Amino acid sequence: MSKRAPPRLERLDQPPRDRLAEPESDEADRGNEPRIGGGICDDTRMATRAKSFEYADSIDEDGAGQAEGEAELKFPDAWTPEHLMLAGLVRCTLKSLSYHAGRAGITIFGGGSASGVVTRR
């Protein structure tokens, strides 16, 4: 069985990002450098305002953590800060996927895993 390359996702209403477009006439005063066409942030019709989310947690001298007054969580000694960072990354990714799937009317369930390498200098 031959391996196939994974499908490439592109927006259908815009050219692929890896192709350079010639500057449009209203951009002539910016110089003659080609630009990447169809950027997601090129739309200036709607003003946006950044949302702010604040979080707080604490870890006591025994290694138990508590997030914003919620139930205490005891981290096993084998869980290093690097493991906790990877767990946070996986949880954030799954939460984001679930949110966007929900917006599309899709219910999903799943899990994830992550691995990383830390190099010391």
PDB file of N, CA and C in Angstrom:
ATOM      1  N   MET A   1       0.851  -1.171   0.000  1.00  0.00           N
ATOM      2  CA  MET A   1       0.000   0.000   0.000  1.00  0.00           C
ATOM      3  C   MET A   1       0.902   1.242   0.000  1.00  0.00           C
ATOM      4  N   SER A   2       0.693   2.132  -0.927  1.00  0.00           N
ATOM      5  CA  SER A   2       1.525   3.333  -1.008  1.00  0.00           C
ATOM      6  C   SER A   2       1.011   4.405  -0.065  1.00  0.00           C
ATOM      7  N   LYS A   3       1.926   5.197   0.449  1.00  0.00           N
ATOM      8  CA  LYS A   3       1.550   6.291   1.338  1.00  0.00           C
ATOM      9  C   LYS A   3       1.124   7.484   0.504  1.00  0.00           C
ATOM     10  N   ARG A   4       0.065   8.141   0.931  1.00  0.00           N
ATOM     11  CA  ARG A   4      -0.419   9.321   0.236  1.00  0.00           C
ATOM     12  C   ARG A   4      -0.133  10.550   1.082  1.00  0.00           C
ATOM     13  N   ALA A   5       0.142  11.628   0.413  1.00  0.00           N
ATOM     14  CA  ALA A   5       0.375  12.888   1.121  1.00  0.00           C
ATOM     15  C   ALA A   5      -0.938  13.344   1.733  1.00  0.00           C
ATOM     16  N   PRO A   6      -0.886  13.956   2.935  1.00  0.00           N
ATOM     17  CA  PRO A   6      -2.121  14.439   3.551  1.00  0.00           C
ATOM     18  C   PRO A   6      -2.722  15.552   2.696  1.00  0.00           C
ATOM     19  N   PRO A   7      -4.045  15.684   2.712  1.00  0.00           N
ATOM     20  CA  PRO A   7      -4.673  16.733   1.911  1.00  0.00           C
ATOM     21  C   PRO A   7      -4.253  18.109   2.423  1.00  0.00           C
ATOM     22  N   ARG A   8      -4.166  19.041   1.530  1.00  0.00           N
ATOM     23  CA  ARG A   8      -3.777  20.403   1.876  1.00  0.00           C
ATOM     24  C   ARG A   8      -5.033  21.254   1.963  1.00  0.00           C
ATOM     25  N   LEU A   9      -5.204  21.962   3.074  1.00  0.00           N
ATOM     26  CA  LEU A   9      -6.375  22.791   3.275  1.00  0.00           C
ATOM     27  C   LEU A   9      -6.111  24.194   2.751  1.00  0.00           C
ATOM     28  N   GLU A  10      -7.000  24.683   1.915  1.00  0.00           N
ATOM     29  CA  GLU A  10      -6.882  26.029   1.380  1.00  0.00           C
ATOM     30  C   GLU A  10      -8.260  26.654   1.346  1.00  0.00           C
ATOM     31  N   ARG A  11      -8.314  27.953   1.485  1.00  0.00           N
ATOM     32  CA  ARG A  11      -9.578  28.655   1.325  1.00  0.00           C
ATOM     33  C   ARG A  11      -9.890  28.706  -0.159  1.00  0.00           C
ATOM     34  N   LEU A  12     -11.106  28.365  -0.512  1.00  0.00           N
ATOM     35  CA  LEU A  12     -11.472  28.307  -1.916  1.00  0.00           C
ATOM     36  C   LEU A  12     -11.640  29.683  -2.544  1.00  0.00           C
ATOM     37  N   ASP A  13     -11.977  30.687  -1.725  1.00  0.00           N
ATOM     38  CA  ASP A  13     -12.222  32.011  -2.271  1.00  0.00           C
ATOM     39  C   ASP A  13     -10.956  32.856  -2.378  1.00  0.00           C
ATOM     40  N   GLN A  14      -9.801  32.305  -2.031  1.00  0.00           N
ATOM     41  CA  GLN A  14      -8.565  33.058  -2.072  1.00  0.00           C
ATOM     42  C   GLN A  14      -7.446  32.185  -2.628  1.00  0.00           C
ATOM     43  N   PRO A  15      -6.429  32.794  -3.255  1.00  0.00           N
ATOM     44  CA  PRO A  15      -5.318  31.999  -3.775  1.00  0.00           C
ATOM     45  C   PRO A  15      -4.499  31.413  -2.632  1.00  0.00           C
ATOM     46  N   PRO A  16      -3.796  30.310  -2.872  1.00  0.00           N
ATOM     47  CA  PRO A  16      -2.949  29.727  -1.826  1.00  0.00           C
ATOM     48  C   PRO A  16      -1.926  30.734  -1.328  1.00  0.00           C
ATOM     49  N   ARG A  17      -1.589  30.656  -0.039  1.00  0.00           N
ATOM     50  CA  ARG A  17      -0.685  31.613   0.584  1.00  0.00           C
ATOM     51  C   ARG A  17       0.744  31.505   0.062  1.00  0.00           C
ATOM     52  N   ASP A  18       1.105  30.364  -0.502  1.00  0.00           N
ATOM     53  CA  ASP A  18       2.483  30.220  -0.953  1.00  0.00           C
ATOM     54  C   ASP A  18       2.711  30.808  -2.343  1.00  0.00           C
ATOM     55  N   ARG A  19       1.678  31.332  -2.959  1.00  0.00           N
ATOM     56  CA  ARG A  19       1.827  31.983  -4.259  1.00  0.00           C
ATOM     57  C   ARG A  19       1.812  33.489  -4.058  1.00  0.00           C
ATOM     58  N   LEU A  20       2.776  34.161  -4.650  1.00  0.00           N
ATOM     59  CA  LEU A  20       2.852  35.604  -4.508  1.00  0.00           C
ATOM     60  C   LEU A  20       1.968  36.286  -5.538  1.00  0.00           C
ATOM     61  N   ALA A  21       1.302  37.337  -5.111  1.00  0.00           N
ATOM     62  CA  ALA A  21       0.461  38.104  -6.020  1.00  0.00           C
ATOM     63  C   ALA A  21       1.140  39.435  -6.307  1.00  0.00           C
ATOM     64  N   GLU A  22       0.882  39.952  -7.488  1.00  0.00           N
ATOM     65  CA  GLU A  22       1.418  41.264  -7.834  1.00  0.00           C
ATOM     66  C   GLU A  22       0.664  42.317  -7.027  1.00  0.00           C
ATOM     67  N   PRO A  23       1.321  43.426  -6.664  1.00  0.00           N
ATOM     68  CA  PRO A  23       0.627  44.468  -5.916  1.00  0.00           C
ATOM     69  C   PRO A  23      -0.534  45.033  -6.723  1.00  0.00           C
ATOM     70  N   GLU A  24      -1.622  45.343  -6.025  1.00  0.00           N
ATOM     71  CA  GLU A  24      -2.761  45.955  -6.689  1.00  0.00           C
ATOM     72  C   GLU A  24      -2.478  47.424  -6.915  1.00  0.00           C
ATOM     73  N   SER A  25      -3.283  48.060  -7.756  1.00  0.00           N
ATOM     74  CA  SER A  25      -3.013  49.442  -8.146  1.00  0.00           C
ATOM     75  C   SER A  25      -2.984  50.389  -6.954  1.00  0.00           C
ATOM     76  N   ASP A  26      -3.834  50.176  -5.941  1.00  0.00           N
ATOM     77  CA  ASP A  26      -3.833  51.077  -4.790  1.00  0.00           C
ATOM     78  C   ASP A  26      -2.638  50.853  -3.880  1.00  0.00           C
ATOM     79  N   GLU A  27      -1.853  49.810  -4.151  1.00  0.00           N
ATOM     80  CA  GLU A  27      -0.675  49.543  -3.341  1.00  0.00           C
ATOM     81  C   GLU A  27       0.603  50.013  -4.023  1.00  0.00           C
ATOM     82  N   ALA A  28       0.468  50.680  -5.166  1.00  0.00           N
ATOM     83  CA  ALA A  28       1.638  51.092  -5.932  1.00  0.00           C
ATOM     84  C   ALA A  28       2.529  52.035  -5.132  1.00  0.00           C
ATOM     85  N   ASP A  29       1.927  52.838  -4.266  1.00  0.00           N
ATOM     86  CA  ASP A  29       2.734  53.780  -3.494  1.00  0.00           C
ATOM     87  C   ASP A  29       3.523  53.092  -2.385  1.00  0.00           C
ATOM     88  N   ARG A  30       3.259  51.836  -2.092  1.00  0.00           N
ATOM     89  CA  ARG A  30       3.993  51.108  -1.051  1.00  0.00           C
ATOM     90  C   ARG A  30       5.283  50.498  -1.571  1.00  0.00           C
ATOM     91  N   GLY A  31       5.503  50.550  -2.843  1.00  0.00           N
ATOM     92  CA  GLY A  31       6.685  49.923  -3.420  1.00  0.00           C
ATOM     93  C   GLY A  31       6.276  48.828  -4.377  1.00  0.00           C
ATOM     94  N   ASN A  32       7.238  48.235  -4.993  1.00  0.00           N
ATOM     95  CA  ASN A  32       6.950  47.219  -6.000  1.00  0.00           C
ATOM     96  C   ASN A  32       7.159  45.802  -5.494  1.00  0.00           C
ATOM     97  N   GLU A  33       7.248  45.604  -4.171  1.00  0.00           N
ATOM     98  CA  GLU A  33       7.457  44.258  -3.661  1.00  0.00           C
ATOM     99  C   GLU A  33       6.186  43.440  -3.808  1.00  0.00           C
ATOM    100  N   PRO A  34       6.323  42.182  -4.239  1.00  0.00           N
ATOM    101  CA  PRO A  34       5.138  41.328  -4.278  1.00  0.00           C
ATOM    102  C   PRO A  34       4.683  41.022  -2.858  1.00  0.00           C
ATOM    103  N   ARG A  35       3.416  40.740  -2.697  1.00  0.00           N
ATOM    104  CA  ARG A  35       2.903  40.415  -1.370  1.00  0.00           C
ATOM    105  C   ARG A  35       2.197  39.076  -1.420  1.00  0.00           C
ATOM    106  N   ILE A  36       2.008  38.485  -0.277  1.00  0.00           N
ATOM    107  CA  ILE A  36       1.265  37.237  -0.216  1.00  0.00           C
ATOM    108  C   ILE A  36      -0.203  37.588  -0.338  1.00  0.00           C
ATOM    109  N   GLY A  37      -0.885  36.990  -1.255  1.00  0.00           N
ATOM    110  CA  GLY A  37      -2.279  37.322  -1.517  1.00  0.00           C
ATOM    111  C   GLY A  37      -3.223  36.597  -0.587  1.00  0.00           C
ATOM    112  N   GLY A  38      -4.345  37.228  -0.317  1.00  0.00           N
ATOM    113  CA  GLY A  38      -5.425  36.579   0.403  1.00  0.00           C
ATOM    114  C   GLY A  38      -5.168  36.293   1.854  1.00  0.00           C
ATOM    115  N   GLY A  39      -4.459  37.155   2.548  1.00  0.00           N
ATOM    116  CA  GLY A  39      -4.231  36.927   3.963  1.00  0.00           C
ATOM    117  C   GLY A  39      -5.515  37.036   4.753  1.00  0.00           C
ATOM    118  N   ILE A  40      -5.630  36.261   5.797  1.00  0.00           N
ATOM    119  CA  ILE A  40      -6.828  36.263   6.614  1.00  0.00           C
ATOM    120  C   ILE A  40      -7.037  37.622   7.271  1.00  0.00           C
ATOM    121  N   CYS A  41      -5.976  38.305   7.633  1.00  0.00           N
ATOM    122  CA  CYS A  41      -6.078  39.574   8.347  1.00  0.00           C
ATOM    123  C   CYS A  41      -6.137  40.778   7.413  1.00  0.00           C
ATOM    124  N   ASP A  42      -6.289  40.555   6.111  1.00  0.00           N
ATOM    125  CA  ASP A  42      -6.341  41.665   5.168  1.00  0.00           C
ATOM    126  C   ASP A  42      -7.675  42.400   5.208  1.00  0.00           C
ATOM    127  N   ASP A  43      -8.706  41.817   5.801  1.00  0.00           N
ATOM    128  CA  ASP A  43     -10.025  42.424   5.822  1.00  0.00           C
ATOM    129  C   ASP A  43     -10.086  43.474   6.924  1.00  0.00           C
ATOM    130  N   THR A  44     -10.242  44.727   6.549  1.00  0.00           N
ATOM    131  CA  THR A  44     -10.281  45.815   7.535  1.00  0.00           C
ATOM    132  C   THR A  44     -11.668  46.413   7.657  1.00  0.00           C
ATOM    133  N   ARG A  45     -12.683  45.733   7.145  1.00  0.00           N
ATOM    134  CA  ARG A  45     -14.040  46.272   7.183  1.00  0.00           C
ATOM    135  C   ARG A  45     -14.649  46.256   8.571  1.00  0.00           C
ATOM    136  N   MET A  46     -14.189  45.377   9.450  1.00  0.00           N
ATOM    137  CA  MET A  46     -14.785  45.277  10.769  1.00  0.00           C
ATOM    138  C   MET A  46     -13.721  45.490  11.839  1.00  0.00           C
ATOM    139  N   ALA A  47     -13.985  46.415  12.726  1.00  0.00           N
ATOM    140  CA  ALA A  47     -13.056  46.658  13.826  1.00  0.00           C
ATOM    141  C   ALA A  47     -13.152  45.508  14.822  1.00  0.00           C
ATOM    142  N   THR A  48     -12.021  45.109  15.355  1.00  0.00           N
ATOM    143  CA  THR A  48     -12.015  44.035  16.343  1.00  0.00           C
ATOM    144  C   THR A  48     -11.421  44.545  17.643  1.00  0.00           C
ATOM    145  N   ARG A  49     -11.800  43.927  18.711  1.00  0.00           N
ATOM    146  CA  ARG A  49     -11.268  44.272  20.016  1.00  0.00           C
ATOM    147  C   ARG A  49     -10.835  42.986  20.690  1.00  0.00           C
ATOM    148  N   ALA A  50      -9.637  42.970  21.202  1.00  0.00           N
ATOM    149  CA  ALA A  50      -9.109  41.761  21.829  1.00  0.00           C
ATOM    150  C   ALA A  50      -9.910  41.421  23.078  1.00  0.00           C
ATOM    151  N   LYS A  51     -10.203  40.136  23.248  1.00  0.00           N
ATOM    152  CA  LYS A  51     -10.865  39.666  24.460  1.00  0.00           C
ATOM    153  C   LYS A  51      -9.800  39.382  25.499  1.00  0.00           C
ATOM    154  N   SER A  52     -10.122  39.629  26.725  1.00  0.00           N
ATOM    155  CA  SER A  52      -9.174  39.402  27.806  1.00  0.00           C
ATOM    156  C   SER A  52      -9.706  38.311  28.720  1.00  0.00           C
ATOM    157  N   PHE A  53      -8.892  37.304  28.958  1.00  0.00           N
ATOM    158  CA  PHE A  53      -9.243  36.212  29.863  1.00  0.00           C
ATOM    159  C   PHE A  53      -8.179  36.173  30.956  1.00  0.00           C
ATOM    160  N   GLU A  54      -8.596  36.168  32.192  1.00  0.00           N
ATOM    161  CA  GLU A  54      -7.649  36.151  33.303  1.00  0.00           C
ATOM    162  C   GLU A  54      -7.790  34.852  34.090  1.00  0.00           C
ATOM    163  N   TYR A  55      -6.656  34.292  34.469  1.00  0.00           N
ATOM    164  CA  TYR A  55      -6.627  33.043  35.212  1.00  0.00           C
ATOM    165  C   TYR A  55      -5.627  33.186  36.362  1.00  0.00           C
ATOM    166  N   ALA A  56      -5.863  32.426  37.409  1.00  0.00           N
ATOM    167  CA  ALA A  56      -4.928  32.429  38.528  1.00  0.00           C
ATOM    168  C   ALA A  56      -4.870  31.020  39.112  1.00  0.00           C
ATOM    169  N   ASP A  57      -3.691  30.618  39.504  1.00  0.00           N
ATOM    170  CA  ASP A  57      -3.537  29.353  40.202  1.00  0.00           C
ATOM    171  C   ASP A  57      -2.384  29.482  41.179  1.00  0.00           C
ATOM    172  N   SER A  58      -2.292  28.510  42.050  1.00  0.00           N
ATOM    173  CA  SER A  58      -1.214  28.530  43.040  1.00  0.00           C
ATOM    174  C   SER A  58      -0.785  27.101  43.342  1.00  0.00           C
ATOM    175  N   ILE A  59       0.447  26.971  43.765  1.00  0.00           N
ATOM    176  CA  ILE A  59       0.992  25.684  44.190  1.00  0.00           C
ATOM    177  C   ILE A  59       1.651  25.900  45.542  1.00  0.00           C
ATOM    178  N   ASP A  60       1.263  25.096  46.526  1.00  0.00           N
ATOM    179  CA  ASP A  60       1.830  25.269  47.865  1.00  0.00           C
ATOM    180  C   ASP A  60       3.152  24.513  48.015  1.00  0.00           C
ATOM    181  N   GLU A  61       3.746  24.614  49.197  1.00  0.00           N
ATOM    182  CA  GLU A  61       5.066  24.005  49.431  1.00  0.00           C
ATOM    183  C   GLU A  61       5.049  22.487  49.337  1.00  0.00           C
ATOM    184  N   ASP A  62       3.871  21.870  49.462  1.00  0.00           N
ATOM    185  CA  ASP A  62       3.755  20.410  49.331  1.00  0.00           C
ATOM    186  C   ASP A  62       3.536  19.975  47.879  1.00  0.00           C
ATOM    187  N   GLY A  63       3.412  20.918  46.958  1.00  0.00           N
ATOM    188  CA  GLY A  63       3.230  20.603  45.554  1.00  0.00           C
ATOM    189  C   GLY A  63       1.784  20.478  45.114  1.00  0.00           C
ATOM    190  N   ALA A  64       0.848  20.811  45.994  1.00  0.00           N
ATOM    191  CA  ALA A  64      -0.569  20.748  45.634  1.00  0.00           C
ATOM    192  C   ALA A  64      -0.968  22.053  44.945  1.00  0.00           C
ATOM    193  N   GLY A  65      -1.730  21.921  43.882  1.00  0.00           N
ATOM    194  CA  GLY A  65      -2.157  23.096  43.137  1.00  0.00           C
ATOM    195  C   GLY A  65      -3.623  23.396  43.329  1.00  0.00           C
ATOM    196  N   GLN A  66      -3.966  24.650  43.145  1.00  0.00           N
ATOM    197  CA  GLN A  66      -5.346  25.073  43.271  1.00  0.00           C
ATOM    198  C   GLN A  66      -5.584  26.164  42.219  1.00  0.00           C
ATOM    199  N   ALA A  67      -6.656  26.025  41.453  1.00  0.00           N
ATOM    200  CA  ALA A  67      -6.972  26.990  40.416  1.00  0.00           C
ATOM    201  C   ALA A  67      -8.157  27.841  40.846  1.00  0.00           C
ATOM    202  N   GLU A  68      -7.922  29.112  41.086  1.00  0.00           N
ATOM    203  CA  GLU A  68      -8.956  30.097  41.402  1.00  0.00           C
ATOM    204  C   GLU A  68      -9.934  29.612  42.462  1.00  0.00           C
ATOM    205  N   GLY A  69      -9.423  29.088  43.553  1.00  0.00           N
ATOM    206  CA  GLY A  69     -10.261  28.685  44.670  1.00  0.00           C
ATOM    207  C   GLY A  69     -10.990  27.371  44.487  1.00  0.00           C
ATOM    208  N   GLU A  70     -10.731  26.663  43.428  1.00  0.00           N
ATOM    209  CA  GLU A  70     -11.395  25.381  43.181  1.00  0.00           C
ATOM    210  C   GLU A  70     -10.717  24.280  43.991  1.00  0.00           C
ATOM    211  N   ALA A  71     -11.169  23.046  43.795  1.00  0.00           N
ATOM    212  CA  ALA A  71     -10.640  21.902  44.533  1.00  0.00           C
ATOM    213  C   ALA A  71      -9.135  21.767  44.315  1.00  0.00           C
ATOM    214  N   GLU A  72      -8.468  21.338  45.356  1.00  0.00           N
ATOM    215  CA  GLU A  72      -7.017  21.159  45.316  1.00  0.00           C
ATOM    216  C   GLU A  72      -6.656  19.944  44.475  1.00  0.00           C
ATOM    217  N   LEU A  73      -5.554  20.049  43.759  1.00  0.00           N
ATOM    218  CA  LEU A  73      -5.066  18.955  42.928  1.00  0.00           C
ATOM    219  C   LEU A  73      -3.629  18.663  43.329  1.00  0.00           C
ATOM    220  N   LYS A  74      -3.357  17.427  43.698  1.00  0.00           N
ATOM    221  CA  LYS A  74      -2.009  17.024  44.087  1.00  0.00           C
ATOM    222  C   LYS A  74      -1.312  16.443  42.868  1.00  0.00           C
ATOM    223  N   PHE A  75      -0.213  17.058  42.471  1.00  0.00           N
ATOM    224  CA  PHE A  75       0.546  16.587  41.318  1.00  0.00           C
ATOM    225  C   PHE A  75       1.531  15.516  41.768  1.00  0.00           C
ATOM    226  N   PRO A  76       1.500  14.332  41.147  1.00  0.00           N
ATOM    227  CA  PRO A  76       2.496  13.303  41.485  1.00  0.00           C
ATOM    228  C   PRO A  76       3.905  13.821  41.194  1.00  0.00           C
ATOM    229  N   ASP A  77       4.882  13.337  41.939  1.00  0.00           N
ATOM    230  CA  ASP A  77       6.265  13.788  41.756  1.00  0.00           C
ATOM    231  C   ASP A  77       6.782  13.535  40.338  1.00  0.00           C
ATOM    232  N   ALA A  78       6.252  12.519  39.673  1.00  0.00           N
ATOM    233  CA  ALA A  78       6.708  12.206  38.320  1.00  0.00           C
ATOM    234  C   ALA A  78       6.279  13.268  37.298  1.00  0.00           C
ATOM    235  N   TRP A  79       5.277  14.077  37.640  1.00  0.00           N
ATOM    236  CA  TRP A  79       4.801  15.111  36.729  1.00  0.00           C
ATOM    237  C   TRP A  79       5.665  16.364  36.875  1.00  0.00           C
ATOM    238  N   THR A  80       6.534  16.552  35.907  1.00  0.00           N
ATOM    239  CA  THR A  80       7.403  17.734  35.910  1.00  0.00           C
ATOM    240  C   THR A  80       6.637  18.914  35.304  1.00  0.00           C
ATOM    241  N   PRO A  81       7.161  20.121  35.441  1.00  0.00           N
ATOM    242  CA  PRO A  81       6.536  21.271  34.785  1.00  0.00           C
ATOM    243  C   PRO A  81       6.394  21.068  33.270  1.00  0.00           C
ATOM    244  N   GLU A  82       7.343  20.363  32.670  1.00  0.00           N
ATOM    245  CA  GLU A  82       7.265  20.098  31.232  1.00  0.00           C
ATOM    246  C   GLU A  82       6.071  19.199  30.902  1.00  0.00           C
ATOM    247  N   HIS A  83       5.810  18.196  31.750  1.00  0.00           N
ATOM    248  CA  HIS A  83       4.640  17.343  31.548  1.00  0.00           C
ATOM    249  C   HIS A  83       3.357  18.163  31.680  1.00  0.00           C
ATOM    250  N   LEU A  84       3.312  19.045  32.656  1.00  0.00           N
ATOM    251  CA  LEU A  84       2.127  19.869  32.859  1.00  0.00           C
ATOM    252  C   LEU A  84       1.904  20.812  31.679  1.00  0.00           C
ATOM    253  N   MET A  85       2.986  21.316  31.106  1.00  0.00           N
ATOM    254  CA  MET A  85       2.880  22.188  29.931  1.00  0.00           C
ATOM    255  C   MET A  85       2.288  21.422  28.751  1.00  0.00           C
ATOM    256  N   LEU A  86       2.770  20.206  28.519  1.00  0.00           N
ATOM    257  CA  LEU A  86       2.232  19.389  27.437  1.00  0.00           C
ATOM    258  C   LEU A  86       0.763  19.042  27.686  1.00  0.00           C
ATOM    259  N   ALA A  87       0.418  18.722  28.928  1.00  0.00           N
ATOM    260  CA  ALA A  87      -0.979  18.409  29.256  1.00  0.00           C
ATOM    261  C   ALA A  87      -1.860  19.635  28.995  1.00  0.00           C
ATOM    262  N   GLY A  88      -1.369  20.816  29.333  1.00  0.00           N
ATOM    263  CA  GLY A  88      -2.118  22.044  29.072  1.00  0.00           C
ATOM    264  C   GLY A  88      -2.299  22.288  27.586  1.00  0.00           C
ATOM    265  N   LEU A  89      -1.278  22.007  26.816  1.00  0.00           N
ATOM    266  CA  LEU A  89      -1.350  22.182  25.367  1.00  0.00           C
ATOM    267  C   LEU A  89      -2.391  21.242  24.760  1.00  0.00           C
ATOM    268  N   VAL A  90      -2.395  19.989  25.190  1.00  0.00           N
ATOM    269  CA  VAL A  90      -3.369  19.019  24.674  1.00  0.00           C
ATOM    270  C   VAL A  90      -4.778  19.434  25.076  1.00  0.00           C
ATOM    271  N   ARG A  91      -4.948  19.817  26.319  1.00  0.00           N
ATOM    272  CA  ARG A  91      -6.283  20.212  26.788  1.00  0.00           C
ATOM    273  C   ARG A  91      -6.792  21.437  26.036  1.00  0.00           C
ATOM    274  N   CYS A  92      -5.932  22.410  25.824  1.00  0.00           N
ATOM    275  CA  CYS A  92      -6.300  23.621  25.099  1.00  0.00           C
ATOM    276  C   CYS A  92      -6.684  23.288  23.664  1.00  0.00           C
ATOM    277  N   THR A  93      -5.930  22.425  23.017  1.00  0.00           N
ATOM    278  CA  THR A  93      -6.215  22.036  21.644  1.00  0.00           C
ATOM    279  C   THR A  93      -7.566  21.338  21.546  1.00  0.00           C
ATOM    280  N   LEU A  94      -7.831  20.404  22.461  1.00  0.00           N
ATOM    281  CA  LEU A  94      -9.100  19.692  22.448  1.00  0.00           C
ATOM    282  C   LEU A  94     -10.274  20.619  22.746  1.00  0.00           C
ATOM    283  N   LYS A  95     -10.071  21.543  23.661  1.00  0.00           N
ATOM    284  CA  LYS A  95     -11.123  22.503  24.007  1.00  0.00           C
ATOM    285  C   LYS A  95     -11.443  23.396  22.808  1.00  0.00           C
ATOM    286  N   SER A  96     -10.412  23.841  22.109  1.00  0.00           N
ATOM    287  CA  SER A  96     -10.602  24.676  20.930  1.00  0.00           C
ATOM    288  C   SER A  96     -11.314  23.909  19.824  1.00  0.00           C
ATOM    289  N   LEU A  97     -10.900  22.676  19.586  1.00  0.00           N
ATOM    290  CA  LEU A  97     -11.543  21.832  18.583  1.00  0.00           C
ATOM    291  C   LEU A  97     -13.012  21.624  18.921  1.00  0.00           C
ATOM    292  N   SER A  98     -13.300  21.356  20.171  1.00  0.00           N
ATOM    293  CA  SER A  98     -14.675  21.144  20.611  1.00  0.00           C
ATOM    294  C   SER A  98     -15.517  22.406  20.405  1.00  0.00           C
ATOM    295  N   TYR A  99     -14.954  23.559  20.704  1.00  0.00           N
ATOM    296  CA  TYR A  99     -15.667  24.825  20.541  1.00  0.00           C
ATOM    297  C   TYR A  99     -16.037  25.050  19.074  1.00  0.00           C
ATOM    298  N   HIS A 100     -15.054  24.913  18.184  1.00  0.00           N
ATOM    299  CA  HIS A 100     -15.310  25.177  16.771  1.00  0.00           C
ATOM    300  C   HIS A 100     -16.220  24.113  16.149  1.00  0.00           C
ATOM    301  N   ALA A 101     -16.101  22.872  16.595  1.00  0.00           N
ATOM    302  CA  ALA A 101     -17.012  21.833  16.122  1.00  0.00           C
ATOM    303  C   ALA A 101     -18.438  22.150  16.572  1.00  0.00           C
ATOM    304  N   GLY A 102     -18.592  22.604  17.810  1.00  0.00           N
ATOM    305  CA  GLY A 102     -19.904  22.976  18.330  1.00  0.00           C
ATOM    306  C   GLY A 102     -20.536  24.106  17.537  1.00  0.00           C
ATOM    307  N   ARG A 103     -19.729  25.066  17.124  1.00  0.00           N
ATOM    308  CA  ARG A 103     -20.236  26.171  16.302  1.00  0.00           C
ATOM    309  C   ARG A 103     -20.744  25.666  14.959  1.00  0.00           C
ATOM    310  N   ALA A 104     -20.175  24.561  14.490  1.00  0.00           N
ATOM    311  CA  ALA A 104     -20.599  23.968  13.220  1.00  0.00           C
ATOM    312  C   ALA A 104     -21.712  22.939  13.420  1.00  0.00           C
ATOM    313  N   GLY A 105     -22.185  22.780  14.659  1.00  0.00           N
ATOM    314  CA  GLY A 105     -23.248  21.833  14.936  1.00  0.00           C
ATOM    315  C   GLY A 105     -22.782  20.398  15.044  1.00  0.00           C
ATOM    316  N   ILE A 106     -21.500  20.202  15.311  1.00  0.00           N
ATOM    317  CA  ILE A 106     -20.933  18.863  15.401  1.00  0.00           C
ATOM    318  C   ILE A 106     -20.555  18.574  16.849  1.00  0.00           C
ATOM    319  N   THR A 107     -20.952  17.427  17.355  1.00  0.00           N
ATOM    320  CA  THR A 107     -20.561  17.011  18.693  1.00  0.00           C
ATOM    321  C   THR A 107     -19.381  16.065  18.564  1.00  0.00           C
ATOM    322  N   ILE A 108     -18.311  16.340  19.288  1.00  0.00           N
ATOM    323  CA  ILE A 108     -17.132  15.480  19.209  1.00  0.00           C
ATOM    324  C   ILE A 108     -16.737  14.998  20.590  1.00  0.00           C
ATOM    325  N   PHE A 109     -16.054  13.884  20.624  1.00  0.00           N
ATOM    326  CA  PHE A 109     -15.462  13.326  21.829  1.00  0.00           C
ATOM    327  C   PHE A 109     -14.075  12.850  21.449  1.00  0.00           C
ATOM    328  N   GLY A 110     -13.141  12.945  22.346  1.00  0.00           N
ATOM    329  CA  GLY A 110     -11.815  12.452  22.007  1.00  0.00           C
ATOM    330  C   GLY A 110     -10.797  12.771  23.063  1.00  0.00           C
ATOM    331  N   GLY A 111      -9.604  12.363  22.785  1.00  0.00           N
ATOM    332  CA  GLY A 111      -8.471  12.605  23.658  1.00  0.00           C
ATOM    333  C   GLY A 111      -7.278  12.963  22.804  1.00  0.00           C
ATOM    334  N   GLY A 112      -6.163  13.165  23.423  1.00  0.00           N
ATOM    335  CA  GLY A 112      -4.977  13.523  22.674  1.00  0.00           C
ATOM    336  C   GLY A 112      -3.725  13.169  23.444  1.00  0.00           C
ATOM    337  N   SER A 113      -2.616  13.297  22.781  1.00  0.00           N
ATOM    338  CA  SER A 113      -1.333  13.069  23.430  1.00  0.00           C
ATOM    339  C   SER A 113      -0.323  14.037  22.842  1.00  0.00           C
ATOM    340  N   ALA A 114       0.710  14.300  23.573  1.00  0.00           N
ATOM    341  CA  ALA A 114       1.758  15.206  23.108  1.00  0.00           C
ATOM    342  C   ALA A 114       3.092  14.705  23.633  1.00  0.00           C
ATOM    343  N   SER A 115       4.136  15.034  22.924  1.00  0.00           N
ATOM    344  CA  SER A 115       5.478  14.717  23.383  1.00  0.00           C
ATOM    345  C   SER A 115       6.369  15.893  23.007  1.00  0.00           C
ATOM    346  N   GLY A 116       7.439  16.050  23.720  1.00  0.00           N
ATOM    347  CA  GLY A 116       8.327  17.153  23.441  1.00  0.00           C
ATOM    348  C   GLY A 116       9.759  16.827  23.844  1.00  0.00           C
ATOM    349  N   VAL A 117      10.666  17.633  23.398  1.00  0.00           N
ATOM    350  CA  VAL A 117      12.089  17.470  23.709  1.00  0.00           C
ATOM    351  C   VAL A 117      12.603  18.798  24.252  1.00  0.00           C
ATOM    352  N   VAL A 118      13.282  18.734  25.365  1.00  0.00           N
ATOM    353  CA  VAL A 118      13.929  19.915  25.936  1.00  0.00           C
ATOM    354  C   VAL A 118      15.421  19.708  25.811  1.00  0.00           C
ATOM    355  N   THR A 119      16.085  20.664  25.193  1.00  0.00           N
ATOM    356  CA  THR A 119      17.529  20.579  25.020  1.00  0.00           C
ATOM    357  C   THR A 119      18.216  21.543  25.975  1.00  0.00           C
ATOM    358  N   ARG A 120      19.163  21.056  26.677  1.00  0.00           N
ATOM    359  CA  ARG A 120      19.924  21.920  27.589  1.00  0.00           C
ATOM    360  C   ARG A 120      21.183  22.401  26.880  1.00  0.00           C
ATOM    361  N   ARG A 121      21.536  23.635  27.119  1.00  0.00           N
ATOM    362  CA  ARG A 121      22.749  24.204  26.510  1.00  0.00           C
ATOM    363  C   ARG A 121      23.892  24.130  27.472  1.00  0.00           C
TER     364      ARG A 121
END
